[in-house]
PDB file of N, CA and C in Angstrom:
ATOM      1  N   MET A   1      -6.603  13.882  -2.767  1.00  0.00           N
ATOM      2  CA  MET A   1      -6.402  12.825  -3.746  1.00  0.00           C
ATOM      3  C   MET A   1      -4.980  12.929  -4.297  1.00  0.00           C
ATOM      4  N   GLU A   2      -4.324  11.813  -4.339  1.00  0.00           N
ATOM      5  CA  GLU A   2      -2.947  11.776  -4.818  1.00  0.00           C
ATOM      6  C   GLU A   2      -2.907  11.776  -6.340  1.00  0.00           C
ATOM      7  N   ARG A   3      -1.989  12.563  -6.899  1.00  0.00           N
ATOM      8  CA  ARG A   3      -1.825  12.599  -8.347  1.00  0.00           C
ATOM      9  C   ARG A   3      -0.700  11.638  -8.733  1.00  0.00           C
ATOM     10  N   THR A   4      -0.870  10.977  -9.870  1.00  0.00           N
ATOM     11  CA  THR A   4       0.102   9.999 -10.350  1.00  0.00           C
ATOM     12  C   THR A   4       0.731  10.514 -11.636  1.00  0.00           C
ATOM     13  N   VAL A   5       2.052  10.460 -11.740  1.00  0.00           N
ATOM     14  CA  VAL A   5       2.754  10.844 -12.968  1.00  0.00           C
ATOM     15  C   VAL A   5       2.700   9.652 -13.908  1.00  0.00           C
ATOM     16  N   VAL A   6       2.202   9.889 -15.137  1.00  0.00           N
ATOM     17  CA  VAL A   6       2.035   8.808 -16.111  1.00  0.00           C
ATOM     18  C   VAL A   6       2.613   9.211 -17.466  1.00  0.00           C
ATOM     19  N   ARG A   7       2.863   8.209 -18.321  1.00  0.00           N
ATOM     20  CA  ARG A   7       3.360   8.437 -19.685  1.00  0.00           C
ATOM     21  C   ARG A   7       2.410   7.746 -20.646  1.00  0.00           C
ATOM     22  N   CYS A   8       1.961   8.468 -21.682  1.00  0.00           N
ATOM     23  CA  CYS A   8       1.043   7.869 -22.658  1.00  0.00           C
ATOM     24  C   CYS A   8       1.826   7.109 -23.722  1.00  0.00           C
ATOM     25  N   ALA A   9       1.114   6.415 -24.590  1.00  0.00           N
ATOM     26  CA  ALA A   9       1.735   5.601 -25.639  1.00  0.00           C
ATOM     27  C   ALA A   9       2.535   6.451 -26.630  1.00  0.00           C
ATOM     28  N   GLU A  10       2.219   7.751 -26.726  1.00  0.00           N
ATOM     29  CA  GLU A  10       2.946   8.655 -27.618  1.00  0.00           C
ATOM     30  C   GLU A  10       4.187   9.251 -26.953  1.00  0.00           C
ATOM     31  N   GLY A  11       4.371   8.982 -25.646  1.00  0.00           N
ATOM     32  CA  GLY A  11       5.549   9.472 -24.936  1.00  0.00           C
ATOM     33  C   GLY A  11       5.328  10.732 -24.126  1.00  0.00           C
ATOM     34  N   HIS A  12       4.104  11.280 -24.111  1.00  0.00           N
ATOM     35  CA  HIS A  12       3.819  12.479 -23.335  1.00  0.00           C
ATOM     36  C   HIS A  12       3.726  12.137 -21.851  1.00  0.00           C
ATOM     37  N   VAL A  13       4.345  12.947 -21.005  1.00  0.00           N
ATOM     38  CA  VAL A  13       4.324  12.737 -19.555  1.00  0.00           C
ATOM     39  C   VAL A  13       3.415  13.789 -18.938  1.00  0.00           C
ATOM     40  N   PHE A  14       2.501  13.349 -18.076  1.00  0.00           N
ATOM     41  CA  PHE A  14       1.564  14.256 -17.406  1.00  0.00           C
ATOM     42  C   PHE A  14       1.099  13.615 -16.117  1.00  0.00           C
ATOM     43  N   THR A  15       0.340  14.359 -15.315  1.00  0.00           N
ATOM     44  CA  THR A  15      -0.188  13.805 -14.070  1.00  0.00           C
ATOM     45  C   THR A  15      -1.664  13.501 -14.242  1.00  0.00           C
ATOM     46  N   ALA A  16      -2.101  12.474 -13.566  1.00  0.00           N
ATOM     47  CA  ALA A  16      -3.507  12.075 -13.587  1.00  0.00           C
ATOM     48  C   ALA A  16      -4.020  12.097 -12.150  1.00  0.00           C
ATOM     49  N   ALA A  17      -5.179  12.735 -11.950  1.00  0.00           N
ATOM     50  CA  ALA A  17      -5.764  12.812 -10.610  1.00  0.00           C
ATOM     51  C   ALA A  17      -6.186  11.437 -10.132  1.00  0.00           C
ATOM     52  N   SER A  18      -6.639  10.619 -11.052  1.00  0.00           N
ATOM     53  CA  SER A  18      -7.024   9.258 -10.669  1.00  0.00           C
ATOM     54  C   SER A  18      -6.381   8.287 -11.646  1.00  0.00           C
ATOM     55  N   PHE A  19      -5.847   7.232 -11.100  1.00  0.00           N
ATOM     56  CA  PHE A  19      -5.261   6.174 -11.926  1.00  0.00           C
ATOM     57  C   PHE A  19      -6.010   4.916 -11.549  1.00  0.00           C
ATOM     58  N   PRO A  20      -7.051   4.546 -12.321  1.00  0.00           N
ATOM     59  CA  PRO A  20      -7.969   3.475 -11.930  1.00  0.00           C
ATOM     60  C   PRO A  20      -7.290   2.145 -11.627  1.00  0.00           C
ATOM     61  N   MET A  21      -7.713   1.543 -10.543  1.00  0.00           N
ATOM     62  CA  MET A  21      -7.254   0.207 -10.133  1.00  0.00           C
ATOM     63  C   MET A  21      -5.735   0.096 -10.127  1.00  0.00           C
ATOM     64  N   GLN A  22      -5.069   1.073  -9.523  1.00  0.00           N
ATOM     65  CA  GLN A  22      -3.607   1.109  -9.490  1.00  0.00           C
ATOM     66  C   GLN A  22      -3.026  -0.095  -8.764  1.00  0.00           C
ATOM     67  N   LYS A  23      -3.754  -0.637  -7.810  1.00  0.00           N
ATOM     68  CA  LYS A  23      -3.257  -1.769  -7.031  1.00  0.00           C
ATOM     69  C   LYS A  23      -3.511  -3.121  -7.707  1.00  0.00           C
ATOM     70  N   ALA A  24      -4.237  -3.148  -8.810  1.00  0.00           N
ATOM     71  CA  ALA A  24      -4.576  -4.408  -9.480  1.00  0.00           C
ATOM     72  C   ALA A  24      -3.406  -4.869 -10.346  1.00  0.00           C
ATOM     73  N   GLU A  25      -2.439  -5.522  -9.743  1.00  0.00           N
ATOM     74  CA  GLU A  25      -1.228  -5.969 -10.444  1.00  0.00           C
ATOM     75  C   GLU A  25      -1.527  -6.980 -11.545  1.00  0.00           C
ATOM     76  N   ARG A  26      -2.527  -7.815 -11.372  1.00  0.00           N
ATOM     77  CA  ARG A  26      -2.785  -8.877 -12.347  1.00  0.00           C
ATOM     78  C   ARG A  26      -3.277  -8.343 -13.688  1.00  0.00           C
ATOM     79  N   LEU A  27      -3.755  -7.091 -13.713  1.00  0.00           N
ATOM     80  CA  LEU A  27      -4.225  -6.492 -14.962  1.00  0.00           C
ATOM     81  C   LEU A  27      -3.098  -5.845 -15.757  1.00  0.00           C
ATOM     82  N   GLY A  28      -1.903  -5.776 -15.163  1.00  0.00           N
ATOM     83  CA  GLY A  28      -0.780  -5.123 -15.822  1.00  0.00           C
ATOM     84  C   GLY A  28      -0.740  -3.647 -15.478  1.00  0.00           C
ATOM     85  N   PRO A  29       0.319  -2.950 -15.883  1.00  0.00           N
ATOM     86  CA  PRO A  29       0.487  -1.557 -15.477  1.00  0.00           C
ATOM     87  C   PRO A  29      -0.319  -0.548 -16.293  1.00  0.00           C
ATOM     88  N   GLY A  30      -0.744  -0.894 -17.506  1.00  0.00           N
ATOM     89  CA  GLY A  30      -1.399   0.065 -18.392  1.00  0.00           C
ATOM     90  C   GLY A  30      -2.863   0.305 -18.086  1.00  0.00           C
ATOM     91  N   ARG A  31      -3.312   1.538 -18.304  1.00  0.00           N
ATOM     92  CA  ARG A  31      -4.717   1.920 -18.156  1.00  0.00           C
ATOM     93  C   ARG A  31      -5.069   2.872 -19.291  1.00  0.00           C
ATOM     94  N   LEU A  32      -6.345   3.027 -19.584  1.00  0.00           N
ATOM     95  CA  LEU A  32      -6.789   3.977 -20.601  1.00  0.00           C
ATOM     96  C   LEU A  32      -7.208   5.280 -19.928  1.00  0.00           C
ATOM     97  N   ILE A  33      -6.501   6.360 -20.263  1.00  0.00           N
ATOM     98  CA  ILE A  33      -6.790   7.694 -19.735  1.00  0.00           C
ATOM     99  C   ILE A  33      -6.650   8.677 -20.890  1.00  0.00           C
ATOM    100  N   ARG A  34      -7.422   9.768 -20.860  1.00  0.00           N
ATOM    101  CA  ARG A  34      -7.336  10.793 -21.901  1.00  0.00           C
ATOM    102  C   ARG A  34      -6.066  11.609 -21.706  1.00  0.00           C
ATOM    103  N   CYS A  35      -5.224  11.627 -22.733  1.00  0.00           N
ATOM    104  CA  CYS A  35      -3.982  12.400 -22.702  1.00  0.00           C
ATOM    105  C   CYS A  35      -4.298  13.858 -23.034  1.00  0.00           C
ATOM    106  N   PRO A  36      -3.873  14.816 -22.201  1.00  0.00           N
ATOM    107  CA  PRO A  36      -4.153  16.226 -22.487  1.00  0.00           C
ATOM    108  C   PRO A  36      -3.379  16.760 -23.693  1.00  0.00           C
ATOM    109  N   ARG A  37      -2.255  16.161 -24.043  1.00  0.00           N
ATOM    110  CA  ARG A  37      -1.468  16.610 -25.195  1.00  0.00           C
ATOM    111  C   ARG A  37      -2.041  16.079 -26.502  1.00  0.00           C
ATOM    112  N   CYS A  38      -2.407  14.785 -26.546  1.00  0.00           N
ATOM    113  CA  CYS A  38      -2.950  14.157 -27.758  1.00  0.00           C
ATOM    114  C   CYS A  38      -4.442  14.448 -27.913  1.00  0.00           C
ATOM    115  N   ALA A  39      -5.105  14.714 -26.786  1.00  0.00           N
ATOM    116  CA  ALA A  39      -6.561  14.893 -26.733  1.00  0.00           C
ATOM    117  C   ALA A  39      -7.286  13.625 -27.179  1.00  0.00           C
ATOM    118  N   ARG A  40      -6.673  12.477 -26.895  1.00  0.00           N
ATOM    119  CA  ARG A  40      -7.276  11.183 -27.230  1.00  0.00           C
ATOM    120  C   ARG A  40      -7.126  10.230 -26.066  1.00  0.00           C
ATOM    121  N   LEU A  41      -7.958   9.206 -26.068  1.00  0.00           N
ATOM    122  CA  LEU A  41      -7.871   8.163 -25.060  1.00  0.00           C
ATOM    123  C   LEU A  41      -6.663   7.296 -25.395  1.00  0.00           C
ATOM    124  N   ARG A  42      -5.695   7.247 -24.491  1.00  0.00           N
ATOM    125  CA  ARG A  42      -4.449   6.519 -24.742  1.00  0.00           C
ATOM    126  C   ARG A  42      -4.162   5.543 -23.613  1.00  0.00           C
ATOM    127  N   SER A  43      -3.386   4.541 -23.928  1.00  0.00           N
ATOM    128  CA  SER A  43      -2.889   3.625 -22.910  1.00  0.00           C
ATOM    129  C   SER A  43      -1.760   4.344 -22.179  1.00  0.00           C
ATOM    130  N   VAL A  44      -1.826   4.394 -20.853  1.00  0.00           N
ATOM    131  CA  VAL A  44      -0.796   5.065 -20.066  1.00  0.00           C
ATOM    132  C   VAL A  44      -0.232   4.107 -19.021  1.00  0.00           C
ATOM    133  N   VAL A  45       1.012   4.360 -18.637  1.00  0.00           N
ATOM    134  CA  VAL A  45       1.668   3.592 -17.577  1.00  0.00           C
ATOM    135  C   VAL A  45       2.262   4.586 -16.584  1.00  0.00           C
ATOM    136  N   PRO A  46       2.334   4.209 -15.304  1.00  0.00           N
ATOM    137  CA  PRO A  46       2.936   5.110 -14.315  1.00  0.00           C
ATOM    138  C   PRO A  46       4.435   5.277 -14.554  1.00  0.00           C
ATOM    139  N   VAL A  47       4.937   6.474 -14.277  1.00  0.00           N
ATOM    140  CA  VAL A  47       6.360   6.776 -14.410  1.00  0.00           C
ATOM    141  C   VAL A  47       7.006   6.553 -13.049  1.00  0.00           C
ATOM    142  N   VAL A  48       8.128   5.840 -13.035  1.00  0.00           N
ATOM    143  CA  VAL A  48       8.862   5.610 -11.790  1.00  0.00           C
ATOM    144  C   VAL A  48       9.744   6.829 -11.544  1.00  0.00           C
ATOM    145  N   LEU A  49       9.511   7.511 -10.420  1.00  0.00           N
ATOM    146  CA  LEU A  49      10.287   8.702 -10.082  1.00  0.00           C
ATOM    147  C   LEU A  49      11.500   8.309  -9.254  1.00  0.00           C
ATOM    148  N   GLU A  50      12.646   8.898  -9.587  1.00  0.00           N
ATOM    149  CA  GLU A  50      13.873   8.636  -8.834  1.00  0.00           C
ATOM    150  C   GLU A  50      13.974   9.621  -7.688  1.00  0.00           C
ATOM    151  N   LYS A  51      14.412   9.131  -6.532  1.00  0.00           N
ATOM    152  CA  LYS A  51      14.638  10.008  -5.378  1.00  0.00           C
ATOM    153  C   LYS A  51      16.133  10.134  -5.162  1.00  0.00           C
ATOM    154  N   HIS A  52      16.596  11.380  -5.090  1.00  0.00           N
ATOM    155  CA  HIS A  52      18.039  11.630  -4.899  1.00  0.00           C
ATOM    156  C   HIS A  52      18.312  11.940  -3.461  1.00  0.00           C
TER     157      HIS A  52
END
């Protein structure tokens, strides 16, 4: 299973084992996932990684 790097609404960056409905563009980029730093359900968006 591929892990996705995400950022929560508080600015914490972490990886998520599953990012529900990642291909569903019409729903927008945000999803609700539990942030391990906040310990709360937060809106998260995927982080765009730069390749050098």
